[in-house]
Amino acid sequence: MTTRIAVLASGGGSNLAAVHSHLSALGSASPAHIALVLSDRATAGALARARAWGIEALSLNVEERTTGLDAILGAHRIDLVVLAGYLRKVPDAVVERFSGGRGLVNVHPSLLPAFGGPGMYGRHVHEAAVARGVRVTGATVHFVDAVYDHGPIIAQWPIAVGAAETAESVASRVLAIEHRLFPRVVSAVAAGEVRLKDDGRVTGWSMDAALEAALEAASQVLIDTTNGAPPQ
């Protein structure tokens, strides 16, 4: 039996699509499949994507995404919960339930612990980074605990930030990193290759040469500091 994944997303679902594409490309060698997609927004593009693939997709009301979420995941026999742009805090009961299994994994568009916590999602993260004048940002994949953007880090990848960059340009480049890094971490967690030790540290993660090369190529897209245009 492959690992049954539930993906929670609030928006268009581009990271959901990246995970789905990666697992599908692995074919019979895939350690997991997406069994369920949930969203706190009935109009979320992630739900439409899932339904187009034939995956069960549900929008959650307030009760379902709070006190009822644990029961929904249990009823669908979910082994691993993946947060792909999900903007709600996961209930403590769900965190506790999955901390002893395959886990609960999130992707965040910064190098945590920088620019994490309540209110730090999507464009807000990149606006804060640009306003602060950072010269390095990136993406983080981590296990989820009871605190926003706080759980043990599995993997990170940095990008340089040009002096003339905008929140939009940084967001686009960080998202490209997420689409490469996140699916491979999810696959490794689903396969049991990455796990939490009793002391709370992550063990088992390592990048292969192909992933490192892909991330390096994506991170080298720099913005010219004189006019904001990509270098020729």
C-alpha atoms as a PDB file:
ATOM      1  CA  MET A   1       0.000   0.000   0.000  1.00  0.00           C
ATOM      2  CA  THR A   2       1.314   3.420  -0.912  1.00  0.00           C
ATOM      3  CA  THR A   3       1.148   6.333   1.498  1.00  0.00           C
ATOM      4  CA  ARG A   4      -2.176   8.151   1.312  1.00  0.00           C
ATOM      5  CA  ILE A   5      -1.657  11.924   1.186  1.00  0.00           C
ATOM      6  CA  ALA A   6      -4.120  14.686   1.962  1.00  0.00           C
ATOM      7  CA  VAL A   7      -3.151  18.079   0.540  1.00  0.00           C
ATOM      8  CA  LEU A   8      -4.569  21.218   2.161  1.00  0.00           C
ATOM      9  CA  ALA A   9      -4.496  24.366   0.032  1.00  0.00           C
ATOM     10  CA  SER A  10      -6.202  27.756   0.095  1.00  0.00           C
ATOM     11  CA  GLY A  11      -5.330  29.054  -3.361  1.00  0.00           C
ATOM     12  CA  GLY A  12      -4.651  28.009  -6.919  1.00  0.00           C
ATOM     13  CA  GLY A  13      -2.724  24.906  -6.009  1.00  0.00           C
ATOM     14  CA  SER A  14       0.500  25.281  -7.991  1.00  0.00           C
ATOM     15  CA  ASN A  15       2.450  23.391  -5.320  1.00  0.00           C
ATOM     16  CA  LEU A  16      -0.283  20.756  -5.284  1.00  0.00           C
ATOM     17  CA  ALA A  17       0.205  20.422  -9.035  1.00  0.00           C
ATOM     18  CA  ALA A  18       3.965  20.105  -8.596  1.00  0.00           C
ATOM     19  CA  VAL A  19       3.553  17.307  -6.035  1.00  0.00           C
ATOM     20  CA  HIS A  20       0.958  15.524  -8.168  1.00  0.00           C
ATOM     21  CA  SER A  21       3.158  15.755 -11.263  1.00  0.00           C
ATOM     22  CA  HIS A  22       6.205  14.424  -9.431  1.00  0.00           C
ATOM     23  CA  LEU A  23       4.409  11.459  -7.869  1.00  0.00           C
ATOM     24  CA  SER A  24       2.682  10.637 -11.158  1.00  0.00           C
ATOM     25  CA  ALA A  25       5.994  10.701 -13.023  1.00  0.00           C
ATOM     26  CA  LEU A  26       7.376   8.093 -10.622  1.00  0.00           C
ATOM     27  CA  GLY A  27       4.685   5.674 -11.742  1.00  0.00           C
ATOM     28  CA  SER A  28       4.720   2.327  -9.978  1.00  0.00           C
ATOM     29  CA  ALA A  29       7.831   3.419  -8.055  1.00  0.00           C
ATOM     30  CA  SER A  30       5.932   6.234  -6.321  1.00  0.00           C
ATOM     31  CA  PRO A  31       5.756   5.794  -2.538  1.00  0.00           C
ATOM     32  CA  ALA A  32       2.508   7.758  -2.315  1.00  0.00           C
ATOM     33  CA  HIS A  33      -0.564   9.105  -4.021  1.00  0.00           C
ATOM     34  CA  ILE A  34      -2.786  12.073  -3.314  1.00  0.00           C
ATOM     35  CA  ALA A  35      -6.025  10.638  -1.958  1.00  0.00           C
ATOM     36  CA  LEU A  36      -7.723  13.845  -0.840  1.00  0.00           C
ATOM     37  CA  VAL A  37      -7.525  17.598  -1.380  1.00  0.00           C
ATOM     38  CA  LEU A  38      -9.099  19.961   1.141  1.00  0.00           C
ATOM     39  CA  SER A  39      -9.517  23.731   1.132  1.00  0.00           C
ATOM     40  CA  ASP A  40     -10.982  26.377   3.400  1.00  0.00           C
ATOM     41  CA  ARG A  41     -12.198  28.183   0.255  1.00  0.00           C
ATOM     42  CA  ALA A  42     -14.916  26.698  -1.940  1.00  0.00           C
ATOM     43  CA  THR A  43     -13.585  28.581  -4.991  1.00  0.00           C
ATOM     44  CA  ALA A  44      -9.942  27.545  -4.535  1.00  0.00           C
ATOM     45  CA  GLY A  45      -8.268  26.542  -7.764  1.00  0.00           C
ATOM     46  CA  ALA A  46      -6.673  23.621  -5.935  1.00  0.00           C
ATOM     47  CA  LEU A  47     -10.093  21.955  -5.661  1.00  0.00           C
ATOM     48  CA  ALA A  48     -10.722  22.330  -9.386  1.00  0.00           C
ATOM     49  CA  ARG A  49      -7.308  20.852 -10.176  1.00  0.00           C
ATOM     50  CA  ALA A  50      -7.937  17.846  -7.949  1.00  0.00           C
ATOM     51  CA  ARG A  51     -11.362  17.153  -9.428  1.00  0.00           C
ATOM     52  CA  ALA A  52      -9.916  17.313 -12.942  1.00  0.00           C
ATOM     53  CA  TRP A  53      -7.470  14.572 -11.910  1.00  0.00           C
ATOM     54  CA  GLY A  54     -10.239  12.458 -10.406  1.00  0.00           C
ATOM     55  CA  ILE A  55      -9.109  13.105  -6.815  1.00  0.00           C
ATOM     56  CA  GLU A  56     -11.713  13.667  -4.115  1.00  0.00           C
ATOM     57  CA  ALA A  57     -11.781  17.364  -3.229  1.00  0.00           C
ATOM     58  CA  LEU A  58     -13.752  18.984  -0.413  1.00  0.00           C
ATOM     59  CA  SER A  59     -14.254  22.554   0.768  1.00  0.00           C
ATOM     60  CA  LEU A  60     -14.297  22.905   4.537  1.00  0.00           C
ATOM     61  CA  ASN A  61     -16.621  25.018   6.617  1.00  0.00           C
ATOM     62  CA  VAL A  62     -15.461  26.487   9.920  1.00  0.00           C
ATOM     63  CA  GLU A  63     -16.387  23.420  11.955  1.00  0.00           C
ATOM     64  CA  GLU A  64     -14.820  21.002   9.473  1.00  0.00           C
ATOM     65  CA  ARG A  65     -11.507  22.827   9.335  1.00  0.00           C
ATOM     66  CA  THR A  66     -11.282  23.108  13.126  1.00  0.00           C
ATOM     67  CA  THR A  67     -12.850  20.491  15.375  1.00  0.00           C
ATOM     68  CA  GLY A  68     -13.866  18.227  12.488  1.00  0.00           C
ATOM     69  CA  LEU A  69     -10.625  18.049  10.510  1.00  0.00           C
ATOM     70  CA  ASP A  70      -9.104  15.173  12.465  1.00  0.00           C
ATOM     71  CA  ALA A  71     -12.179  13.010  11.853  1.00  0.00           C
ATOM     72  CA  ILE A  72     -12.203  13.812   8.113  1.00  0.00           C
ATOM     73  CA  LEU A  73      -8.572  12.798   7.747  1.00  0.00           C
ATOM     74  CA  GLY A  74      -9.167   9.645   9.753  1.00  0.00           C
ATOM     75  CA  ALA A  75     -12.207   8.679   7.686  1.00  0.00           C
ATOM     76  CA  HIS A  76     -10.102   8.909   4.528  1.00  0.00           C
ATOM     77  CA  ARG A  77      -7.288   6.830   6.066  1.00  0.00           C
ATOM     78  CA  ILE A  78      -4.735   9.569   5.495  1.00  0.00           C
ATOM     79  CA  ASP A  79      -1.112   8.783   6.360  1.00  0.00           C
ATOM     80  CA  LEU A  80       0.562  12.094   5.509  1.00  0.00           C
ATOM     81  CA  VAL A  81      -0.808  15.642   5.508  1.00  0.00           C
ATOM     82  CA  VAL A  82       0.780  18.161   3.153  1.00  0.00           C
ATOM     83  CA  LEU A  83       0.159  21.911   3.461  1.00  0.00           C
ATOM     84  CA  ALA A  84       0.538  23.574   0.080  1.00  0.00           C
ATOM     85  CA  GLY A  85      -0.364  27.216   0.568  1.00  0.00           C
ATOM     86  CA  TYR A  86      -2.895  26.504   3.307  1.00  0.00           C
ATOM     87  CA  LEU A  87      -3.592  29.713   5.224  1.00  0.00           C
ATOM     88  CA  ARG A  88      -5.269  28.303   8.311  1.00  0.00           C
ATOM     89  CA  LYS A  89      -3.626  27.045  11.477  1.00  0.00           C
ATOM     90  CA  VAL A  90      -3.926  23.274  11.677  1.00  0.00           C
ATOM     91  CA  PRO A  91      -5.765  22.150  14.844  1.00  0.00           C
ATOM     92  CA  ASP A  92      -3.568  20.783  17.610  1.00  0.00           C
ATOM     93  CA  ALA A  93      -5.430  17.451  17.492  1.00  0.00           C
ATOM     94  CA  VAL A  94      -4.326  16.952  13.881  1.00  0.00           C
ATOM     95  CA  VAL A  95      -0.738  17.949  14.640  1.00  0.00           C
ATOM     96  CA  GLU A  96      -0.654  15.487  17.524  1.00  0.00           C
ATOM     97  CA  ARG A  97      -2.228  12.690  15.469  1.00  0.00           C
ATOM     98  CA  PHE A  98       0.238  12.952  12.605  1.00  0.00           C
ATOM     99  CA  SER A  99       3.373  13.691  14.597  1.00  0.00           C
ATOM    100  CA  GLY A 100       3.608   9.977  15.320  1.00  0.00           C
ATOM    101  CA  GLY A 101       3.027   8.829  11.741  1.00  0.00           C
ATOM    102  CA  ARG A 102       4.469   9.862   8.416  1.00  0.00           C
ATOM    103  CA  GLY A 103       4.030  13.447   9.518  1.00  0.00           C
ATOM    104  CA  LEU A 104       2.594  16.790   8.556  1.00  0.00           C
ATOM    105  CA  VAL A 105       4.675  18.848   6.133  1.00  0.00           C
ATOM    106  CA  ASN A 106       4.530  22.495   5.043  1.00  0.00           C
ATOM    107  CA  VAL A 107       6.294  24.646   2.470  1.00  0.00           C
ATOM    108  CA  HIS A 108       7.004  28.297   3.322  1.00  0.00           C
ATOM    109  CA  PRO A 109       8.326  31.026   0.975  1.00  0.00           C
ATOM    110  CA  SER A 110      11.232  32.247   3.101  1.00  0.00           C
ATOM    111  CA  LEU A 111      14.271  30.904   4.887  1.00  0.00           C
ATOM    112  CA  LEU A 112      12.680  30.185   8.236  1.00  0.00           C
ATOM    113  CA  PRO A 113      12.787  31.367  10.936  1.00  0.00           C
ATOM    114  CA  ALA A 114      12.957  34.642   8.970  1.00  0.00           C
ATOM    115  CA  PHE A 115       9.599  36.053   7.853  1.00  0.00           C
ATOM    116  CA  GLY A 116       7.448  33.360   9.419  1.00  0.00           C
ATOM    117  CA  GLY A 117       4.539  33.358  11.836  1.00  0.00           C
ATOM    118  CA  PRO A 118       0.952  34.663  11.820  1.00  0.00           C
ATOM    119  CA  GLY A 119       0.188  36.831   8.807  1.00  0.00           C
ATOM    120  CA  MET A 120       3.369  35.829   6.995  1.00  0.00           C
ATOM    121  CA  TYR A 121       2.139  34.078   3.870  1.00  0.00           C
ATOM    122  CA  GLY A 122       2.315  34.605   0.128  1.00  0.00           C
ATOM    123  CA  ARG A 123       2.894  38.175  -1.006  1.00  0.00           C
ATOM    124  CA  HIS A 124       3.149  39.409   2.603  1.00  0.00           C
ATOM    125  CA  VAL A 125       6.354  37.410   3.062  1.00  0.00           C
ATOM    126  CA  HIS A 126       8.007  38.850  -0.028  1.00  0.00           C
ATOM    127  CA  GLU A 127       6.876  42.406   0.659  1.00  0.00           C
ATOM    128  CA  ALA A 128       8.398  42.151   4.125  1.00  0.00           C
ATOM    129  CA  ALA A 129      11.643  40.714   2.765  1.00  0.00           C
ATOM    130  CA  VAL A 130      12.023  43.432   0.117  1.00  0.00           C
ATOM    131  CA  ALA A 131      11.114  46.180   2.580  1.00  0.00           C
ATOM    132  CA  ARG A 132      13.754  44.878   4.988  1.00  0.00           C
ATOM    133  CA  GLY A 133      16.351  44.940   2.216  1.00  0.00           C
ATOM    134  CA  VAL A 134      17.388  41.305   2.484  1.00  0.00           C
ATOM    135  CA  ARG A 135      19.889  40.059  -0.056  1.00  0.00           C
ATOM    136  CA  VAL A 136      19.115  36.363   0.428  1.00  0.00           C
ATOM    137  CA  THR A 137      15.762  34.643   0.744  1.00  0.00           C
ATOM    138  CA  GLY A 138      14.431  31.286  -0.389  1.00  0.00           C
ATOM    139  CA  ALA A 139      12.086  28.420   0.434  1.00  0.00           C
ATOM    140  CA  THR A 140      11.766  26.110   3.431  1.00  0.00           C
ATOM    141  CA  VAL A 141      10.088  22.720   3.814  1.00  0.00           C
ATOM    142  CA  HIS A 142       9.462  21.685   7.399  1.00  0.00           C
ATOM    143  CA  PHE A 143       7.496  19.416   9.675  1.00  0.00           C
ATOM    144  CA  VAL A 144       4.553  21.186  11.297  1.00  0.00           C
ATOM    145  CA  ASP A 145       4.145  21.621  15.018  1.00  0.00           C
ATOM    146  CA  ALA A 146       1.627  23.585  17.105  1.00  0.00           C
ATOM    147  CA  VAL A 147       3.257  26.972  16.314  1.00  0.00           C
ATOM    148  CA  TYR A 148       3.029  28.809  12.968  1.00  0.00           C
ATOM    149  CA  ASP A 149       6.087  28.137  10.759  1.00  0.00           C
ATOM    150  CA  HIS A 150       8.041  26.719  13.673  1.00  0.00           C
ATOM    151  CA  GLY A 151       8.460  22.960  13.220  1.00  0.00           C
ATOM    152  CA  PRO A 152      11.741  21.146  12.474  1.00  0.00           C
ATOM    153  CA  ILE A 153      13.263  22.122   9.124  1.00  0.00           C
ATOM    154  CA  ILE A 154      13.757  19.382   6.538  1.00  0.00           C
ATOM    155  CA  ALA A 155      15.214  21.366   3.642  1.00  0.00           C
ATOM    156  CA  GLN A 156      15.939  24.909   2.488  1.00  0.00           C
ATOM    157  CA  TRP A 157      17.287  26.542  -0.641  1.00  0.00           C
ATOM    158  CA  PRO A 158      18.424  30.169  -0.989  1.00  0.00           C
ATOM    159  CA  ILE A 159      18.202  32.703  -3.785  1.00  0.00           C
ATOM    160  CA  ALA A 160      20.036  36.011  -4.061  1.00  0.00           C
ATOM    161  CA  VAL A 161      17.827  39.127  -4.097  1.00  0.00           C
ATOM    162  CA  GLY A 162      18.794  41.937  -6.446  1.00  0.00           C
ATOM    163  CA  ALA A 163      18.665  45.530  -5.215  1.00  0.00           C
ATOM    164  CA  ALA A 164      15.986  46.489  -7.761  1.00  0.00           C
ATOM    165  CA  GLU A 165      13.727  43.493  -7.217  1.00  0.00           C
ATOM    166  CA  THR A 166      10.072  43.760  -6.300  1.00  0.00           C
ATOM    167  CA  ALA A 167       7.912  41.506  -4.161  1.00  0.00           C
ATOM    168  CA  GLU A 168       6.461  40.112  -7.399  1.00  0.00           C
ATOM    169  CA  SER A 169       9.812  39.165  -8.900  1.00  0.00           C
ATOM    170  CA  VAL A 170      11.002  37.578  -5.666  1.00  0.00           C
ATOM    171  CA  ALA A 171       7.731  35.657  -5.331  1.00  0.00           C
ATOM    172  CA  SER A 172       8.056  34.236  -8.833  1.00  0.00           C
ATOM    173  CA  ARG A 173      11.611  33.059  -8.260  1.00  0.00           C
ATOM    174  CA  VAL A 174      10.944  31.562  -4.828  1.00  0.00           C
ATOM    175  CA  LEU A 175       7.930  29.712  -6.209  1.00  0.00           C
ATOM    176  CA  ALA A 176      10.141  28.129  -8.857  1.00  0.00           C
ATOM    177  CA  ILE A 177      12.320  26.785  -6.037  1.00  0.00           C
ATOM    178  CA  GLU A 178       9.295  25.499  -4.138  1.00  0.00           C
ATOM    179  CA  HIS A 179       8.080  23.582  -7.194  1.00  0.00           C
ATOM    180  CA  ARG A 180      11.376  21.705  -7.381  1.00  0.00           C
ATOM    181  CA  LEU A 181      12.102  21.179  -3.698  1.00  0.00           C
ATOM    182  CA  PHE A 182       8.690  20.511  -2.154  1.00  0.00           C
ATOM    183  CA  PRO A 183       7.587  17.487  -4.233  1.00  0.00           C
ATOM    184  CA  ARG A 184      10.840  15.652  -3.618  1.00  0.00           C
ATOM    185  CA  VAL A 185      10.707  16.234   0.115  1.00  0.00           C
ATOM    186  CA  VAL A 186       7.083  15.056   0.200  1.00  0.00           C
ATOM    187  CA  SER A 187       8.072  11.907  -1.685  1.00  0.00           C
ATOM    188  CA  ALA A 188      10.958  11.231   0.689  1.00  0.00           C
ATOM    189  CA  VAL A 189       8.766  11.717   3.754  1.00  0.00           C
ATOM    190  CA  ALA A 190       6.088   9.455   2.278  1.00  0.00           C
ATOM    191  CA  ALA A 191       8.686   6.772   1.653  1.00  0.00           C
ATOM    192  CA  GLY A 192       9.874   6.942   5.251  1.00  0.00           C
ATOM    193  CA  GLU A 193      13.297   8.130   4.146  1.00  0.00           C
ATOM    194  CA  VAL A 194      12.887  11.335   6.171  1.00  0.00           C
ATOM    195  CA  ARG A 195      11.636  11.242   9.737  1.00  0.00           C
ATOM    196  CA  LEU A 196      11.810  12.925  13.099  1.00  0.00           C
ATOM    197  CA  LYS A 197      14.057  11.493  15.767  1.00  0.00           C
ATOM    198  CA  ASP A 198      12.934  11.320  19.381  1.00  0.00           C
ATOM    199  CA  ASP A 199      14.979  14.441  20.104  1.00  0.00           C
ATOM    200  CA  GLY A 200      12.994  16.430  17.519  1.00  0.00           C
ATOM    201  CA  ARG A 201      15.735  16.554  14.896  1.00  0.00           C
ATOM    202  CA  VAL A 202      15.222  15.543  11.272  1.00  0.00           C
ATOM    203  CA  THR A 203      17.138  12.585   9.933  1.00  0.00           C
ATOM    204  CA  GLY A 204      17.421  10.963   6.521  1.00  0.00           C
ATOM    205  CA  TRP A 205      17.161  13.907   4.115  1.00  0.00           C
ATOM    206  CA  SER A 206      19.764  14.421   1.437  1.00  0.00           C
ATOM    207  CA  MET A 207      19.530  15.978  -2.012  1.00  0.00           C
ATOM    208  CA  ASP A 208      20.500  13.977  -5.051  1.00  0.00           C
ATOM    209  CA  ALA A 209      22.664  15.547  -7.736  1.00  0.00           C
ATOM    210  CA  ALA A 210      19.757  16.105 -10.120  1.00  0.00           C
ATOM    211  CA  LEU A 211      17.723  18.060  -7.558  1.00  0.00           C
ATOM    212  CA  GLU A 212      20.689  20.123  -6.466  1.00  0.00           C
ATOM    213  CA  ALA A 213      21.459  21.003 -10.088  1.00  0.00           C
ATOM    214  CA  ALA A 214      17.828  21.993 -10.724  1.00  0.00           C
ATOM    215  CA  LEU A 215      17.732  24.174  -7.639  1.00  0.00           C
ATOM    216  CA  GLU A 216      21.079  25.743  -8.487  1.00  0.00           C
ATOM    217  CA  ALA A 217      19.879  26.594 -11.985  1.00  0.00           C
ATOM    218  CA  ALA A 218      16.668  28.146 -10.684  1.00  0.00           C
ATOM    219  CA  SER A 219      18.454  30.168  -8.016  1.00  0.00           C
ATOM    220  CA  GLN A 220      20.907  31.665 -10.527  1.00  0.00           C
ATOM    221  CA  VAL A 221      18.179  33.688 -12.255  1.00  0.00           C
ATOM    222  CA  LEU A 222      19.207  37.099 -10.913  1.00  0.00           C
ATOM    223  CA  ILE A 223      17.639  40.500 -11.479  1.00  0.00           C
ATOM    224  CA  ASP A 224      19.731  43.296 -12.946  1.00  0.00           C
ATOM    225  CA  THR A 225      20.097  46.034 -10.347  1.00  0.00           C
ATOM    226  CA  THR A 226      19.859  48.907 -12.826  1.00  0.00           C
ATOM    227  CA  ASN A 227      16.553  48.266 -14.560  1.00  0.00           C
ATOM    228  CA  GLY A 228      15.028  45.231 -12.911  1.00  0.00           C
ATOM    229  CA  ALA A 229      15.305  43.129 -16.067  1.00  0.00           C
ATOM    230  CA  PRO A 230      16.653  39.594 -16.134  1.00  0.00           C
ATOM    231  CA  PRO A 231      20.272  39.501 -17.352  1.00  0.00           C
ATOM    232  CA  GLN A 232      20.926  38.481 -20.939  1.00  0.00           C
END
